[in-house]
Amino acid sequence: MLQLLVRRVLSPFARLVYRPEVHGTENVPLTGPVIFASNHRAAVDTFVIPIVAPRPVSFLAKAEYFTARGPKGRLFAAFLRALDYVPVERGNAAAGMAALEAARKVLEDGDAFGIYPEGTRSLDGRVHRGHTGVGALALATRAKVVPVALTGTEKMLPIGKKLPRPAKVCVRFGAPLDFARYEGMENSPAIRRAITDEIMYKILELSELEYVDRYHKRPGEAA
């Protein structure tokens, strides 16, 4: 019931209030496994993409969000489930493997999964080098990859703010990328890198942002 409420009522309401500019929804395959690979501007990105995408999209969320106590915590957990979020532990190498396995299951079920190849949101407004997990996922599941470019969400929900504010937000969905030509090369780091770089280049083209050929440091990492 809550899932129906979110998709039929809250999503259209959010689009009416915030009026995001959306392009390329006709590029999104409506059936079969699809990876939505996007640049990452703000915490709200994970809510914006499912609201404007023409099909449900699953993202990973911290497992503790689903076990929070109290009415507020339980309501938030139910909201995440209604948006098809997948609980996963985070913080170490084993957690990283569990995250990829959770994503793989979503895709093997024929559904859509959202990922940020940069690994963290951009604090300088540029697009950074992508981690190869997205390449490994595309190879393992044979899912098509739809590049997604977000702009303006960092103004919609600036760091430190809890509630979204009106801002000019643009979401662009690119043509799906098919990496079937690399079938059987799942164990090649060079192929995973080539696929990831191709995906990041398409995101860069769509976003028209500046590119930095290095990984973005996570908050708290030493310079």
N, C-alpha and C. Protein backbone atom coordinates (compact mmCIF):
# COMPACT_ATOMS: atom_id res chain seq x y z
N MET A 1 0.83 -1.21 0.00
CA MET A 1 0.00 0.00 0.00
C MET A 1 0.87 1.26 0.00
N LEU A 2 1.91 1.26 0.86
CA LEU A 2 2.78 2.43 0.94
C LEU A 2 3.54 2.60 -0.37
N GLN A 3 3.96 1.50 -0.98
CA GLN A 3 4.67 1.58 -2.25
C GLN A 3 3.80 2.24 -3.31
N LEU A 4 2.53 1.87 -3.34
CA LEU A 4 1.60 2.47 -4.29
C LEU A 4 1.43 3.96 -4.00
N LEU A 5 1.36 4.32 -2.72
CA LEU A 5 1.22 5.72 -2.33
C LEU A 5 2.42 6.54 -2.78
N VAL A 6 3.63 6.00 -2.57
CA VAL A 6 4.84 6.71 -2.94
C VAL A 6 4.90 6.92 -4.44
N ARG A 7 4.61 5.88 -5.21
CA ARG A 7 4.77 5.95 -6.66
C ARG A 7 3.64 6.71 -7.35
N ARG A 8 2.44 6.61 -6.81
CA ARG A 8 1.29 7.24 -7.46
C ARG A 8 0.97 8.63 -6.92
N VAL A 9 1.41 8.92 -5.71
CA VAL A 9 1.05 10.20 -5.09
C VAL A 9 2.27 11.06 -4.78
N LEU A 10 3.20 10.53 -3.97
CA LEU A 10 4.32 11.34 -3.53
C LEU A 10 5.28 11.70 -4.67
N SER A 11 5.53 10.75 -5.58
CA SER A 11 6.43 11.05 -6.69
C SER A 11 5.89 12.16 -7.59
N PRO A 12 4.62 12.08 -8.05
CA PRO A 12 4.08 13.19 -8.84
C PRO A 12 4.04 14.51 -8.07
N PHE A 13 3.76 14.41 -6.76
CA PHE A 13 3.73 15.62 -5.94
C PHE A 13 5.11 16.27 -5.87
N ALA A 14 6.15 15.45 -5.68
CA ALA A 14 7.52 15.97 -5.62
C ALA A 14 7.91 16.61 -6.95
N ARG A 15 7.51 16.00 -8.05
CA ARG A 15 7.82 16.57 -9.36
C ARG A 15 7.09 17.89 -9.56
N LEU A 16 5.87 17.99 -9.05
CA LEU A 16 5.09 19.22 -9.17
C LEU A 16 5.73 20.35 -8.36
N VAL A 17 6.21 20.02 -7.15
CA VAL A 17 6.77 21.03 -6.26
C VAL A 17 8.15 21.48 -6.73
N TYR A 18 9.03 20.52 -7.07
CA TYR A 18 10.41 20.87 -7.39
C TYR A 18 10.68 21.03 -8.88
N ARG A 19 9.76 20.56 -9.72
CA ARG A 19 9.81 20.75 -11.16
C ARG A 19 11.19 20.44 -11.77
N PRO A 20 11.70 19.24 -11.59
CA PRO A 20 12.98 18.92 -12.21
C PRO A 20 12.87 18.87 -13.73
N GLU A 21 13.91 19.30 -14.40
CA GLU A 21 13.97 19.21 -15.86
C GLU A 21 14.52 17.83 -16.22
N VAL A 22 13.77 17.07 -16.99
CA VAL A 22 14.13 15.68 -17.26
C VAL A 22 14.22 15.46 -18.77
N HIS A 23 15.32 14.84 -19.21
CA HIS A 23 15.53 14.57 -20.62
C HIS A 23 15.92 13.09 -20.81
N GLY A 24 15.49 12.51 -21.92
CA GLY A 24 15.98 11.20 -22.31
C GLY A 24 15.30 10.00 -21.69
N THR A 25 14.13 10.18 -21.10
CA THR A 25 13.47 9.01 -20.49
C THR A 25 13.14 7.95 -21.55
N GLU A 26 13.04 8.38 -22.81
CA GLU A 26 12.76 7.42 -23.88
C GLU A 26 13.95 6.48 -24.12
N ASN A 27 15.12 6.83 -23.57
CA ASN A 27 16.30 5.98 -23.72
C ASN A 27 16.30 4.79 -22.75
N VAL A 28 15.47 4.85 -21.75
CA VAL A 28 15.50 3.83 -20.69
C VAL A 28 14.71 2.59 -21.10
N PRO A 29 15.35 1.41 -21.17
CA PRO A 29 14.60 0.18 -21.43
C PRO A 29 13.60 -0.07 -20.31
N LEU A 30 12.38 -0.38 -20.65
CA LEU A 30 11.33 -0.54 -19.64
C LEU A 30 11.27 -1.95 -19.07
N THR A 31 11.99 -2.87 -19.68
CA THR A 31 12.05 -4.24 -19.16
C THR A 31 13.50 -4.73 -19.19
N GLY A 32 13.76 -5.75 -18.41
CA GLY A 32 15.08 -6.34 -18.37
C GLY A 32 16.01 -5.61 -17.43
N PRO A 33 17.15 -6.24 -17.08
CA PRO A 33 18.09 -5.63 -16.13
C PRO A 33 18.77 -4.39 -16.69
N VAL A 34 18.77 -3.33 -15.90
CA VAL A 34 19.38 -2.06 -16.30
C VAL A 34 20.13 -1.48 -15.12
N ILE A 35 21.34 -1.01 -15.39
CA ILE A 35 22.12 -0.28 -14.39
C ILE A 35 22.03 1.21 -14.70
N PHE A 36 21.53 2.00 -13.77
CA PHE A 36 21.55 3.46 -13.90
C PHE A 36 22.85 3.94 -13.25
N ALA A 37 23.81 4.39 -14.06
CA ALA A 37 25.10 4.86 -13.56
C ALA A 37 25.14 6.38 -13.63
N SER A 38 25.23 7.01 -12.47
CA SER A 38 25.08 8.47 -12.40
C SER A 38 26.25 9.15 -11.70
N ASN A 39 26.49 10.41 -12.06
CA ASN A 39 27.36 11.22 -11.22
C ASN A 39 26.60 11.52 -9.93
N HIS A 40 27.32 12.01 -8.93
CA HIS A 40 26.72 12.14 -7.59
C HIS A 40 26.99 13.53 -7.05
N ARG A 41 25.91 14.30 -6.85
CA ARG A 41 26.04 15.70 -6.44
C ARG A 41 25.60 15.96 -5.00
N ALA A 42 24.59 15.20 -4.53
CA ALA A 42 24.03 15.47 -3.21
C ALA A 42 23.32 14.23 -2.68
N ALA A 43 23.06 14.22 -1.38
CA ALA A 43 22.40 13.08 -0.76
C ALA A 43 21.02 12.83 -1.37
N VAL A 44 20.39 13.87 -1.88
CA VAL A 44 19.04 13.76 -2.43
C VAL A 44 19.02 13.06 -3.80
N ASP A 45 20.18 12.85 -4.41
CA ASP A 45 20.23 12.22 -5.73
C ASP A 45 19.50 10.87 -5.74
N THR A 46 19.66 10.13 -4.66
CA THR A 46 19.09 8.79 -4.59
C THR A 46 17.57 8.81 -4.52
N PHE A 47 17.00 9.95 -4.21
CA PHE A 47 15.54 10.11 -4.25
C PHE A 47 15.09 10.72 -5.57
N VAL A 48 15.91 11.58 -6.14
CA VAL A 48 15.54 12.26 -7.39
C VAL A 48 15.43 11.26 -8.55
N ILE A 49 16.43 10.38 -8.69
CA ILE A 49 16.43 9.46 -9.82
C ILE A 49 15.21 8.55 -9.83
N PRO A 50 14.85 7.89 -8.73
CA PRO A 50 13.64 7.05 -8.75
C PRO A 50 12.36 7.84 -9.03
N ILE A 51 12.32 9.10 -8.62
CA ILE A 51 11.12 9.90 -8.83
C ILE A 51 10.90 10.21 -10.31
N VAL A 52 12.00 10.43 -11.06
CA VAL A 52 11.86 10.83 -12.46
C VAL A 52 12.07 9.69 -13.45
N ALA A 53 12.64 8.58 -13.02
CA ALA A 53 12.88 7.46 -13.94
C ALA A 53 11.56 6.82 -14.36
N PRO A 54 11.48 6.30 -15.59
CA PRO A 54 10.23 5.69 -16.06
C PRO A 54 9.99 4.27 -15.57
N ARG A 55 10.85 3.78 -14.67
CA ARG A 55 10.65 2.46 -14.08
C ARG A 55 11.28 2.47 -12.68
N PRO A 56 10.85 1.58 -11.80
CA PRO A 56 11.44 1.55 -10.46
C PRO A 56 12.94 1.29 -10.50
N VAL A 57 13.66 1.95 -9.60
CA VAL A 57 15.11 1.82 -9.52
C VAL A 57 15.49 1.53 -8.07
N SER A 58 16.27 0.47 -7.86
CA SER A 58 16.73 0.14 -6.51
C SER A 58 18.11 0.75 -6.26
N PHE A 59 18.28 1.30 -5.06
CA PHE A 59 19.58 1.78 -4.59
C PHE A 59 19.91 1.06 -3.30
N LEU A 60 21.17 1.05 -2.95
CA LEU A 60 21.59 0.51 -1.66
C LEU A 60 21.39 1.56 -0.58
N ALA A 61 21.08 1.10 0.62
CA ALA A 61 20.95 2.00 1.77
C ALA A 61 21.54 1.30 2.99
N LYS A 62 22.04 2.08 3.91
CA LYS A 62 22.64 1.52 5.12
C LYS A 62 21.64 0.62 5.84
N ALA A 63 22.12 -0.55 6.27
CA ALA A 63 21.23 -1.53 6.90
C ALA A 63 20.56 -0.97 8.15
N GLU A 64 21.27 -0.09 8.88
CA GLU A 64 20.69 0.43 10.12
C GLU A 64 19.45 1.28 9.88
N TYR A 65 19.29 1.81 8.66
CA TYR A 65 18.08 2.57 8.36
C TYR A 65 16.83 1.68 8.44
N PHE A 66 17.01 0.40 8.21
CA PHE A 66 15.88 -0.52 8.16
C PHE A 66 15.57 -1.12 9.53
N THR A 67 16.42 -0.87 10.51
CA THR A 67 16.21 -1.44 11.84
C THR A 67 16.02 -0.37 12.91
N ALA A 68 15.87 0.88 12.47
CA ALA A 68 15.69 1.98 13.42
C ALA A 68 14.40 1.78 14.24
N ARG A 69 14.46 2.18 15.47
CA ARG A 69 13.31 2.03 16.35
C ARG A 69 12.50 3.33 16.42
N GLY A 70 11.31 3.21 16.98
CA GLY A 70 10.44 4.37 17.12
C GLY A 70 9.60 4.58 15.88
N PRO A 71 8.49 5.31 16.00
CA PRO A 71 7.59 5.55 14.87
C PRO A 71 8.28 6.21 13.68
N LYS A 72 9.13 7.19 13.95
CA LYS A 72 9.81 7.90 12.87
C LYS A 72 10.76 6.97 12.12
N GLY A 73 11.51 6.16 12.87
CA GLY A 73 12.44 5.24 12.25
C GLY A 73 11.74 4.18 11.43
N ARG A 74 10.65 3.65 11.96
CA ARG A 74 9.91 2.62 11.24
C ARG A 74 9.25 3.18 9.98
N LEU A 75 8.77 4.42 10.07
CA LEU A 75 8.16 5.04 8.91
C LEU A 75 9.20 5.27 7.81
N PHE A 76 10.40 5.71 8.21
CA PHE A 76 11.46 5.95 7.23
C PHE A 76 11.88 4.63 6.57
N ALA A 77 11.97 3.57 7.37
CA ALA A 77 12.31 2.25 6.82
C ALA A 77 11.26 1.80 5.82
N ALA A 78 10.00 2.02 6.15
CA ALA A 78 8.91 1.63 5.23
C ALA A 78 8.97 2.45 3.95
N PHE A 79 9.35 3.71 4.08
CA PHE A 79 9.48 4.58 2.91
C PHE A 79 10.59 4.08 1.99
N LEU A 80 11.72 3.68 2.57
CA LEU A 80 12.83 3.16 1.77
C LEU A 80 12.44 1.87 1.07
N ARG A 81 11.72 1.02 1.76
CA ARG A 81 11.27 -0.23 1.14
C ARG A 81 10.31 0.06 -0.01
N ALA A 82 9.49 1.08 0.16
CA ALA A 82 8.53 1.44 -0.89
C ALA A 82 9.24 1.92 -2.15
N LEU A 83 10.45 2.46 -1.97
CA LEU A 83 11.25 2.91 -3.11
C LEU A 83 12.22 1.83 -3.59
N ASP A 84 12.03 0.60 -3.09
CA ASP A 84 12.86 -0.54 -3.52
C ASP A 84 14.31 -0.42 -3.10
N TYR A 85 14.60 0.28 -2.00
CA TYR A 85 15.96 0.35 -1.50
C TYR A 85 16.37 -1.01 -0.93
N VAL A 86 17.66 -1.32 -1.04
CA VAL A 86 18.18 -2.61 -0.59
C VAL A 86 19.11 -2.38 0.59
N PRO A 87 18.83 -2.98 1.76
CA PRO A 87 19.71 -2.79 2.92
C PRO A 87 21.02 -3.52 2.74
N VAL A 88 22.12 -2.88 3.14
CA VAL A 88 23.43 -3.49 3.04
C VAL A 88 24.35 -2.89 4.10
N GLU A 89 25.20 -3.74 4.68
CA GLU A 89 26.20 -3.26 5.63
C GLU A 89 27.29 -2.53 4.86
N ARG A 90 27.91 -1.55 5.52
CA ARG A 90 28.96 -0.79 4.86
C ARG A 90 30.16 -0.63 5.78
N GLY A 91 31.31 -0.29 5.18
CA GLY A 91 32.44 0.10 6.00
C GLY A 91 33.68 -0.75 5.87
N ASN A 92 33.65 -1.88 5.13
CA ASN A 92 34.86 -2.67 4.98
C ASN A 92 34.80 -3.43 3.66
N ALA A 93 35.86 -4.20 3.37
CA ALA A 93 35.93 -4.91 2.09
C ALA A 93 34.81 -5.93 1.96
N ALA A 94 34.50 -6.64 3.06
CA ALA A 94 33.43 -7.63 3.02
C ALA A 94 32.10 -6.96 2.72
N ALA A 95 31.90 -5.76 3.27
CA ALA A 95 30.67 -5.02 3.02
C ALA A 95 30.59 -4.63 1.56
N GLY A 96 31.75 -4.27 0.96
CA GLY A 96 31.77 -3.92 -0.45
C GLY A 96 31.35 -5.09 -1.33
N MET A 97 31.82 -6.27 -0.99
CA MET A 97 31.44 -7.47 -1.74
C MET A 97 29.95 -7.75 -1.57
N ALA A 98 29.45 -7.55 -0.34
CA ALA A 98 28.02 -7.78 -0.08
C ALA A 98 27.17 -6.80 -0.88
N ALA A 99 27.66 -5.56 -1.03
CA ALA A 99 26.93 -4.56 -1.80
C ALA A 99 26.83 -4.98 -3.26
N LEU A 100 27.94 -5.45 -3.83
CA LEU A 100 27.93 -5.90 -5.22
C LEU A 100 27.01 -7.11 -5.40
N GLU A 101 27.00 -7.99 -4.41
CA GLU A 101 26.15 -9.17 -4.50
C GLU A 101 24.68 -8.79 -4.43
N ALA A 102 24.36 -7.81 -3.57
CA ALA A 102 22.97 -7.33 -3.48
C ALA A 102 22.54 -6.70 -4.79
N ALA A 103 23.43 -5.92 -5.39
CA ALA A 103 23.13 -5.29 -6.69
C ALA A 103 22.94 -6.36 -7.76
N ARG A 104 23.79 -7.35 -7.72
CA ARG A 104 23.71 -8.43 -8.71
C ARG A 104 22.37 -9.15 -8.64
N LYS A 105 21.88 -9.38 -7.43
CA LYS A 105 20.60 -10.07 -7.27
C LYS A 105 19.46 -9.26 -7.86
N VAL A 106 19.49 -7.93 -7.65
CA VAL A 106 18.46 -7.06 -8.22
C VAL A 106 18.44 -7.20 -9.73
N LEU A 107 19.61 -7.18 -10.34
CA LEU A 107 19.71 -7.24 -11.80
C LEU A 107 19.36 -8.63 -12.33
N GLU A 108 19.74 -9.66 -11.62
CA GLU A 108 19.42 -11.02 -12.07
C GLU A 108 17.91 -11.28 -12.00
N ASP A 109 17.21 -10.50 -11.18
CA ASP A 109 15.75 -10.59 -11.13
C ASP A 109 15.10 -9.79 -12.25
N GLY A 110 15.92 -9.16 -13.11
CA GLY A 110 15.39 -8.38 -14.24
C GLY A 110 15.00 -6.97 -13.90
N ASP A 111 15.47 -6.46 -12.74
CA ASP A 111 15.08 -5.13 -12.30
C ASP A 111 16.19 -4.11 -12.58
N ALA A 112 15.96 -2.87 -12.15
CA ALA A 112 16.92 -1.78 -12.38
C ALA A 112 17.63 -1.43 -11.08
N PHE A 113 18.90 -1.11 -11.21
CA PHE A 113 19.72 -0.79 -10.05
C PHE A 113 20.49 0.50 -10.30
N GLY A 114 20.55 1.37 -9.30
CA GLY A 114 21.27 2.64 -9.42
C GLY A 114 22.59 2.62 -8.69
N ILE A 115 23.62 3.19 -9.32
CA ILE A 115 24.96 3.19 -8.73
C ILE A 115 25.68 4.49 -9.08
N TYR A 116 26.57 4.90 -8.17
CA TYR A 116 27.40 6.08 -8.40
C TYR A 116 28.84 5.61 -8.56
N PRO A 117 29.34 5.49 -9.79
CA PRO A 117 30.69 4.96 -9.99
C PRO A 117 31.79 5.75 -9.28
N GLU A 118 31.56 7.05 -9.04
CA GLU A 118 32.58 7.84 -8.35
C GLU A 118 32.77 7.41 -6.90
N GLY A 119 31.78 6.72 -6.34
CA GLY A 119 31.91 6.18 -4.99
C GLY A 119 31.46 7.11 -3.90
N THR A 120 31.43 8.40 -4.16
CA THR A 120 30.99 9.38 -3.17
C THR A 120 30.55 10.63 -3.92
N ARG A 121 29.81 11.50 -3.25
CA ARG A 121 29.33 12.70 -3.94
C ARG A 121 30.47 13.68 -4.16
N SER A 122 30.39 14.40 -5.25
CA SER A 122 31.41 15.36 -5.61
C SER A 122 31.28 16.61 -4.76
N LEU A 123 32.37 16.99 -4.14
CA LEU A 123 32.38 18.20 -3.31
C LEU A 123 32.90 19.41 -4.08
N ASP A 124 33.45 19.18 -5.27
CA ASP A 124 33.98 20.30 -6.06
C ASP A 124 33.18 20.55 -7.33
N GLY A 125 32.07 19.81 -7.52
CA GLY A 125 31.21 20.04 -8.66
C GLY A 125 31.68 19.40 -9.96
N ARG A 126 32.81 18.67 -9.90
CA ARG A 126 33.34 18.05 -11.11
C ARG A 126 33.02 16.55 -11.13
N VAL A 127 33.21 15.93 -12.28
CA VAL A 127 33.04 14.49 -12.41
C VAL A 127 34.41 13.84 -12.25
N HIS A 128 34.50 12.85 -11.36
CA HIS A 128 35.77 12.21 -11.07
C HIS A 128 35.84 10.81 -11.65
N ARG A 129 37.02 10.26 -11.64
CA ARG A 129 37.25 8.91 -12.16
C ARG A 129 36.35 7.90 -11.46
N GLY A 130 35.81 6.96 -12.23
CA GLY A 130 34.91 5.97 -11.67
C GLY A 130 35.63 4.73 -11.17
N HIS A 131 35.11 4.15 -10.10
CA HIS A 131 35.60 2.87 -9.61
C HIS A 131 35.02 1.76 -10.49
N THR A 132 35.75 0.67 -10.61
CA THR A 132 35.40 -0.35 -11.60
C THR A 132 34.31 -1.32 -11.16
N GLY A 133 33.71 -1.09 -10.00
CA GLY A 133 32.61 -1.96 -9.58
C GLY A 133 31.47 -1.97 -10.58
N VAL A 134 31.21 -0.82 -11.20
CA VAL A 134 30.12 -0.75 -12.19
C VAL A 134 30.46 -1.59 -13.41
N GLY A 135 31.75 -1.62 -13.79
CA GLY A 135 32.16 -2.45 -14.91
C GLY A 135 32.03 -3.93 -14.59
N ALA A 136 32.43 -4.30 -13.38
CA ALA A 136 32.31 -5.69 -12.96
C ALA A 136 30.85 -6.12 -12.92
N LEU A 137 29.97 -5.22 -12.45
CA LEU A 137 28.55 -5.52 -12.36
C LEU A 137 27.93 -5.70 -13.74
N ALA A 138 28.30 -4.84 -14.66
CA ALA A 138 27.78 -4.94 -16.02
C ALA A 138 28.22 -6.24 -16.69
N LEU A 139 29.47 -6.62 -16.46
CA LEU A 139 29.98 -7.86 -17.03
C LEU A 139 29.30 -9.09 -16.43
N ALA A 140 29.13 -9.08 -15.11
CA ALA A 140 28.60 -10.24 -14.41
C ALA A 140 27.13 -10.49 -14.72
N THR A 141 26.38 -9.43 -14.96
CA THR A 141 24.93 -9.56 -15.13
C THR A 141 24.46 -9.38 -16.57
N ARG A 142 25.37 -8.87 -17.44
CA ARG A 142 25.03 -8.56 -18.83
C ARG A 142 23.92 -7.52 -18.93
N ALA A 143 23.78 -6.73 -17.89
CA ALA A 143 22.77 -5.67 -17.89
C ALA A 143 23.23 -4.51 -18.77
N LYS A 144 22.30 -3.86 -19.40
CA LYS A 144 22.61 -2.63 -20.11
C LYS A 144 22.82 -1.51 -19.10
N VAL A 145 23.64 -0.56 -19.46
CA VAL A 145 23.97 0.55 -18.56
C VAL A 145 23.42 1.85 -19.15
N VAL A 146 22.56 2.52 -18.40
CA VAL A 146 22.05 3.83 -18.81
C VAL A 146 22.82 4.91 -18.05
N PRO A 147 23.64 5.71 -18.75
CA PRO A 147 24.34 6.80 -18.06
C PRO A 147 23.35 7.90 -17.68
N VAL A 148 23.55 8.46 -16.49
CA VAL A 148 22.66 9.50 -15.97
C VAL A 148 23.50 10.69 -15.52
N ALA A 149 23.09 11.88 -15.91
CA ALA A 149 23.79 13.10 -15.50
C ALA A 149 22.86 13.96 -14.65
N LEU A 150 23.32 14.31 -13.47
CA LEU A 150 22.57 15.17 -12.56
C LEU A 150 23.27 16.52 -12.43
N THR A 151 22.52 17.59 -12.47
CA THR A 151 23.04 18.91 -12.16
C THR A 151 22.00 19.64 -11.30
N GLY A 152 22.50 20.42 -10.36
CA GLY A 152 21.61 21.25 -9.53
C GLY A 152 21.15 20.63 -8.24
N THR A 153 21.34 19.33 -8.04
CA THR A 153 20.83 18.73 -6.80
C THR A 153 21.62 19.19 -5.58
N GLU A 154 22.88 19.62 -5.80
CA GLU A 154 23.67 20.14 -4.68
C GLU A 154 23.11 21.46 -4.16
N LYS A 155 22.32 22.15 -4.99
CA LYS A 155 21.64 23.38 -4.54
C LYS A 155 20.28 23.06 -3.95
N MET A 156 19.72 21.96 -4.40
CA MET A 156 18.43 21.51 -3.88
C MET A 156 18.57 21.05 -2.42
N LEU A 157 19.69 20.36 -2.14
CA LEU A 157 19.96 19.92 -0.77
C LEU A 157 21.44 20.13 -0.46
N PRO A 158 21.80 21.34 -0.07
CA PRO A 158 23.21 21.61 0.25
C PRO A 158 23.67 20.78 1.45
N ILE A 159 24.96 20.55 1.54
CA ILE A 159 25.52 19.79 2.66
C ILE A 159 25.15 20.47 3.97
N GLY A 160 24.68 19.67 4.91
CA GLY A 160 24.30 20.19 6.23
C GLY A 160 22.83 20.52 6.37
N LYS A 161 22.10 20.55 5.25
CA LYS A 161 20.66 20.83 5.29
C LYS A 161 19.88 19.52 5.31
N LYS A 162 18.72 19.54 5.95
CA LYS A 162 17.92 18.33 6.08
C LYS A 162 16.73 18.27 5.14
N LEU A 163 16.26 19.43 4.70
CA LEU A 163 15.08 19.45 3.85
C LEU A 163 15.42 20.05 2.48
N PRO A 164 14.92 19.44 1.40
CA PRO A 164 15.17 19.98 0.06
C PRO A 164 14.54 21.35 -0.10
N ARG A 165 15.15 22.17 -0.93
CA ARG A 165 14.63 23.50 -1.23
C ARG A 165 14.47 23.63 -2.74
N PRO A 166 13.62 24.54 -3.20
CA PRO A 166 13.47 24.72 -4.66
C PRO A 166 14.79 25.11 -5.30
N ALA A 167 15.13 24.45 -6.39
CA ALA A 167 16.36 24.73 -7.13
C ALA A 167 16.19 24.18 -8.54
N LYS A 168 16.96 24.71 -9.47
CA LYS A 168 16.90 24.22 -10.84
C LYS A 168 17.69 22.91 -10.93
N VAL A 169 16.96 21.82 -11.08
CA VAL A 169 17.57 20.49 -11.15
C VAL A 169 17.34 19.91 -12.53
N CYS A 170 18.38 19.31 -13.09
CA CYS A 170 18.26 18.69 -14.41
C CYS A 170 18.75 17.24 -14.34
N VAL A 171 17.98 16.33 -14.91
CA VAL A 171 18.35 14.91 -14.99
C VAL A 171 18.33 14.50 -16.45
N ARG A 172 19.44 13.94 -16.92
CA ARG A 172 19.53 13.49 -18.31
C ARG A 172 19.86 12.00 -18.35
N PHE A 173 19.01 11.24 -19.05
CA PHE A 173 19.25 9.82 -19.26
C PHE A 173 19.84 9.62 -20.66
N GLY A 174 21.00 8.97 -20.73
CA GLY A 174 21.63 8.74 -22.01
C GLY A 174 21.19 7.43 -22.64
N ALA A 175 21.62 7.20 -23.87
CA ALA A 175 21.31 5.95 -24.57
C ALA A 175 21.97 4.79 -23.84
N PRO A 176 21.29 3.65 -23.75
CA PRO A 176 21.85 2.50 -23.02
C PRO A 176 23.11 1.96 -23.68
N LEU A 177 24.05 1.57 -22.86
CA LEU A 177 25.31 1.00 -23.32
C LEU A 177 25.26 -0.51 -23.16
N ASP A 178 25.68 -1.23 -24.18
CA ASP A 178 25.65 -2.69 -24.17
C ASP A 178 27.09 -3.19 -24.27
N PHE A 179 27.51 -3.98 -23.28
CA PHE A 179 28.89 -4.47 -23.24
C PHE A 179 28.98 -5.97 -23.52
N ALA A 180 28.02 -6.48 -24.30
CA ALA A 180 28.01 -7.90 -24.63
C ALA A 180 29.28 -8.31 -25.38
N ARG A 181 29.93 -7.36 -26.03
CA ARG A 181 31.15 -7.69 -26.78
C ARG A 181 32.27 -8.17 -25.88
N TYR A 182 32.14 -7.93 -24.57
CA TYR A 182 33.18 -8.35 -23.63
C TYR A 182 32.82 -9.64 -22.89
N GLU A 183 31.83 -10.36 -23.39
CA GLU A 183 31.41 -11.59 -22.73
C GLU A 183 32.59 -12.55 -22.58
N GLY A 184 32.72 -13.12 -21.39
CA GLY A 184 33.81 -14.05 -21.11
C GLY A 184 35.06 -13.39 -20.58
N MET A 185 35.05 -12.05 -20.47
CA MET A 185 36.24 -11.33 -20.01
C MET A 185 36.05 -10.76 -18.60
N GLU A 186 35.14 -11.37 -17.82
CA GLU A 186 34.79 -10.85 -16.50
C GLU A 186 35.99 -10.70 -15.57
N ASN A 187 37.02 -11.51 -15.75
CA ASN A 187 38.15 -11.51 -14.83
C ASN A 187 39.27 -10.57 -15.25
N SER A 188 39.05 -9.78 -16.27
CA SER A 188 40.08 -8.88 -16.75
C SER A 188 39.95 -7.49 -16.13
N PRO A 189 40.90 -7.08 -15.29
CA PRO A 189 40.86 -5.71 -14.73
C PRO A 189 40.89 -4.65 -15.82
N ALA A 190 41.60 -4.91 -16.90
CA ALA A 190 41.70 -3.94 -17.99
C ALA A 190 40.35 -3.72 -18.66
N ILE A 191 39.58 -4.79 -18.81
CA ILE A 191 38.26 -4.67 -19.42
C ILE A 191 37.30 -3.95 -18.49
N ARG A 192 37.37 -4.27 -17.21
CA ARG A 192 36.51 -3.56 -16.24
C ARG A 192 36.81 -2.07 -16.24
N ARG A 193 38.09 -1.73 -16.36
CA ARG A 193 38.48 -0.32 -16.42
C ARG A 193 37.98 0.32 -17.70
N ALA A 194 38.10 -0.37 -18.82
CA ALA A 194 37.66 0.18 -20.10
C ALA A 194 36.16 0.45 -20.09
N ILE A 195 35.39 -0.48 -19.54
CA ILE A 195 33.94 -0.31 -19.46
C ILE A 195 33.60 0.88 -18.57
N THR A 196 34.25 0.95 -17.41
CA THR A 196 33.98 2.04 -16.48
C THR A 196 34.32 3.39 -17.09
N ASP A 197 35.45 3.47 -17.77
CA ASP A 197 35.84 4.74 -18.40
C ASP A 197 34.85 5.15 -19.49
N GLU A 198 34.33 4.18 -20.23
CA GLU A 198 33.34 4.49 -21.26
C GLU A 198 32.06 5.04 -20.63
N ILE A 199 31.66 4.43 -19.53
CA ILE A 199 30.46 4.90 -18.82
C ILE A 199 30.67 6.32 -18.31
N MET A 200 31.83 6.57 -17.68
CA MET A 200 32.10 7.90 -17.13
C MET A 200 32.17 8.95 -18.24
N TYR A 201 32.70 8.57 -19.40
CA TYR A 201 32.77 9.52 -20.51
C TYR A 201 31.36 9.92 -20.96
N LYS A 202 30.45 8.97 -21.00
CA LYS A 202 29.07 9.27 -21.40
C LYS A 202 28.39 10.16 -20.36
N ILE A 203 28.66 9.89 -19.08
CA ILE A 203 28.11 10.75 -18.02
C ILE A 203 28.65 12.17 -18.18
N LEU A 204 29.94 12.26 -18.47
CA LEU A 204 30.58 13.57 -18.66
C LEU A 204 29.95 14.32 -19.83
N GLU A 205 29.73 13.63 -20.94
CA GLU A 205 29.10 14.25 -22.10
C GLU A 205 27.72 14.80 -21.76
N LEU A 206 26.94 14.00 -21.04
CA LEU A 206 25.58 14.41 -20.69
C LEU A 206 25.57 15.59 -19.73
N SER A 207 26.49 15.59 -18.79
CA SER A 207 26.49 16.62 -17.74
C SER A 207 27.12 17.93 -18.17
N GLU A 208 28.07 17.85 -19.13
CA GLU A 208 28.84 19.02 -19.58
C GLU A 208 29.62 19.66 -18.43
N LEU A 209 30.01 18.82 -17.46
CA LEU A 209 30.81 19.29 -16.34
C LEU A 209 32.29 19.04 -16.63
N GLU A 210 33.15 19.55 -15.76
CA GLU A 210 34.59 19.31 -15.89
C GLU A 210 34.94 17.93 -15.35
N TYR A 211 35.91 17.27 -15.99
CA TYR A 211 36.33 15.93 -15.57
C TYR A 211 37.69 15.97 -14.88
N VAL A 212 37.84 15.14 -13.84
CA VAL A 212 39.11 15.00 -13.14
C VAL A 212 39.50 13.53 -13.18
N ASP A 213 40.66 13.23 -13.76
CA ASP A 213 41.05 11.83 -13.93
C ASP A 213 41.74 11.28 -12.68
N ARG A 214 41.04 11.37 -11.57
CA ARG A 214 41.49 10.76 -10.32
C ARG A 214 40.27 10.51 -9.45
N TYR A 215 40.41 9.57 -8.53
CA TYR A 215 39.29 9.26 -7.65
C TYR A 215 39.03 10.42 -6.70
N HIS A 216 37.76 10.62 -6.41
CA HIS A 216 37.38 11.66 -5.46
C HIS A 216 37.62 11.14 -4.05
N LYS A 217 38.31 11.93 -3.23
CA LYS A 217 38.53 11.54 -1.84
C LYS A 217 37.23 11.58 -1.07
N ARG A 218 37.01 10.58 -0.24
CA ARG A 218 35.83 10.58 0.61
C ARG A 218 36.03 11.57 1.74
N PRO A 219 34.92 12.14 2.26
CA PRO A 219 35.06 13.08 3.40
C PRO A 219 35.84 12.45 4.53
N GLY A 220 36.84 13.17 5.04
CA GLY A 220 37.63 12.65 6.15
C GLY A 220 38.94 12.02 5.72
N GLU A 221 39.10 11.72 4.42
CA GLU A 221 40.35 11.15 3.96
C GLU A 221 41.44 12.20 3.92
N ALA A 222 42.65 11.78 4.18
CA ALA A 222 43.78 12.71 4.17
C ALA A 222 44.05 13.18 2.75
N ALA A 223 44.49 14.42 2.61
CA ALA A 223 44.80 14.97 1.30
C ALA A 223 46.09 14.38 0.76
